[in-house]
Amino acid sequence: MLSTGAVDRNSATYFNTTLSVSNGGTGLSSYTTGDLLYASGATTISKLAAVASGSCLISNGVGAAPSWGSCGTGFVQLAPASAQTDSYQ
């Protein structure tokens, strides 16, 4: 089992633990469809869980984790292309 040190792709045949960021992994053991990965520190990767449609990804400034929130004003939610109609005259 590899837990620290360099990874030799020619001899490492099986991993049964989470691969750390320092060894080229994420340090995370699972994901869910829609999760977003982001750097939460100099050597740490975190995930932001997916949310229901209609939310916007919000930047909370330098050094702060992103979050989901209300889109507020100034954003336009577009209908899917299949729902749009054009009329030409």
Protein backbone atom coordinates (compact mmCIF):
# COMPACT_ATOMS: atom_id res chain seq x y z
CA MET A 1 0.00 0.00 0.00
CA LEU A 2 1.32 3.42 -0.97
CA SER A 3 0.69 6.23 1.49
CA THR A 4 3.62 8.59 0.97
CA GLY A 5 6.50 9.10 -1.43
CA ALA A 6 6.76 9.12 -5.19
CA VAL A 7 4.52 7.02 -7.39
CA ASP A 8 6.33 4.73 -9.83
CA ARG A 9 3.78 3.93 -12.50
CA ASN A 10 5.79 0.89 -13.55
CA SER A 11 5.64 -0.82 -10.15
CA ALA A 12 2.50 0.58 -8.53
CA THR A 13 -0.18 -1.90 -9.55
CA TYR A 14 -2.84 -1.41 -6.91
CA PHE A 15 -3.99 1.47 -4.74
CA ASN A 16 -6.40 0.83 -1.89
CA THR A 17 -6.23 4.25 -0.31
CA THR A 18 -6.78 7.85 -1.33
CA LEU A 19 -3.85 9.36 -3.22
CA SER A 20 -2.70 12.62 -1.65
CA VAL A 21 -2.42 15.91 -3.54
CA SER A 22 1.35 15.90 -3.08
CA ASN A 23 1.46 12.58 -4.96
CA GLY A 24 -0.74 13.77 -7.81
CA GLY A 25 -4.12 12.75 -6.41
CA THR A 26 -6.94 14.81 -4.95
CA GLY A 27 -6.93 13.52 -1.39
CA LEU A 28 -10.64 12.79 -1.86
CA SER A 29 -12.05 9.27 -1.77
CA SER A 30 -15.31 9.82 -3.65
CA TYR A 31 -17.20 12.15 -5.96
CA THR A 32 -20.80 12.65 -6.91
CA THR A 33 -22.01 13.66 -10.35
CA GLY A 34 -21.92 17.44 -10.56
CA ASP A 35 -19.35 18.01 -7.79
CA LEU A 36 -16.85 20.79 -8.52
CA LEU A 37 -13.25 20.52 -7.31
CA TYR A 38 -11.40 23.63 -6.14
CA ALA A 39 -8.18 24.46 -4.31
CA SER A 40 -9.11 25.26 -0.71
CA GLY A 41 -5.49 25.68 0.34
CA ALA A 42 -1.96 25.48 -1.02
CA THR A 43 -1.96 21.67 -0.73
CA THR A 44 -5.65 20.84 -0.34
CA ILE A 45 -8.36 20.13 -2.89
CA SER A 46 -11.99 20.24 -1.77
CA LYS A 47 -15.29 19.61 -3.49
CA LEU A 48 -18.39 21.72 -3.73
CA ALA A 49 -21.46 19.51 -3.91
CA ALA A 50 -23.85 19.91 -6.81
CA VAL A 51 -27.16 21.64 -6.18
CA ALA A 52 -30.50 21.92 -7.92
CA SER A 53 -30.65 23.72 -11.23
CA GLY A 54 -31.12 27.47 -11.20
CA SER A 55 -28.34 28.27 -8.73
CA CYS A 56 -25.24 30.29 -9.60
CA LEU A 57 -21.64 29.64 -8.63
CA ILE A 58 -20.57 32.53 -6.39
CA SER A 59 -17.01 33.73 -5.83
CA ASN A 60 -16.58 34.73 -2.20
CA GLY A 61 -13.32 36.57 -2.85
CA VAL A 62 -9.65 35.68 -2.78
CA GLY A 63 -8.84 33.06 -0.16
CA ALA A 64 -12.46 32.03 0.35
CA ALA A 65 -14.26 28.94 -0.90
CA PRO A 66 -16.83 29.32 -3.69
CA SER A 67 -20.47 28.62 -2.93
CA TRP A 68 -23.82 28.18 -4.60
CA GLY A 69 -26.33 30.98 -4.30
CA SER A 70 -29.18 32.88 -5.81
CA CYS A 71 -28.43 34.35 -9.20
CA GLY A 72 -30.00 37.65 -8.19
CA THR A 73 -30.58 40.47 -10.64
CA GLY A 74 -28.46 41.01 -13.68
CA PHE A 75 -28.53 37.34 -14.65
CA VAL A 76 -30.80 35.92 -17.30
CA GLN A 77 -31.80 32.30 -17.21
CA LEU A 78 -32.19 31.13 -20.79
CA ALA A 79 -34.71 28.57 -21.90
CA PRO A 80 -33.31 25.40 -23.45
CA ALA A 81 -32.84 25.63 -27.22
CA SER A 82 -35.67 23.13 -27.72
CA ALA A 83 -38.11 25.55 -26.04
CA GLN A 84 -37.14 28.60 -28.11
CA THR A 85 -39.01 29.52 -31.25
CA ASP A 86 -38.12 32.00 -33.93
CA SER A 87 -40.50 33.75 -36.25
CA TYR A 88 -39.21 35.10 -39.56
CA GLN A 89 -41.22 37.37 -41.81
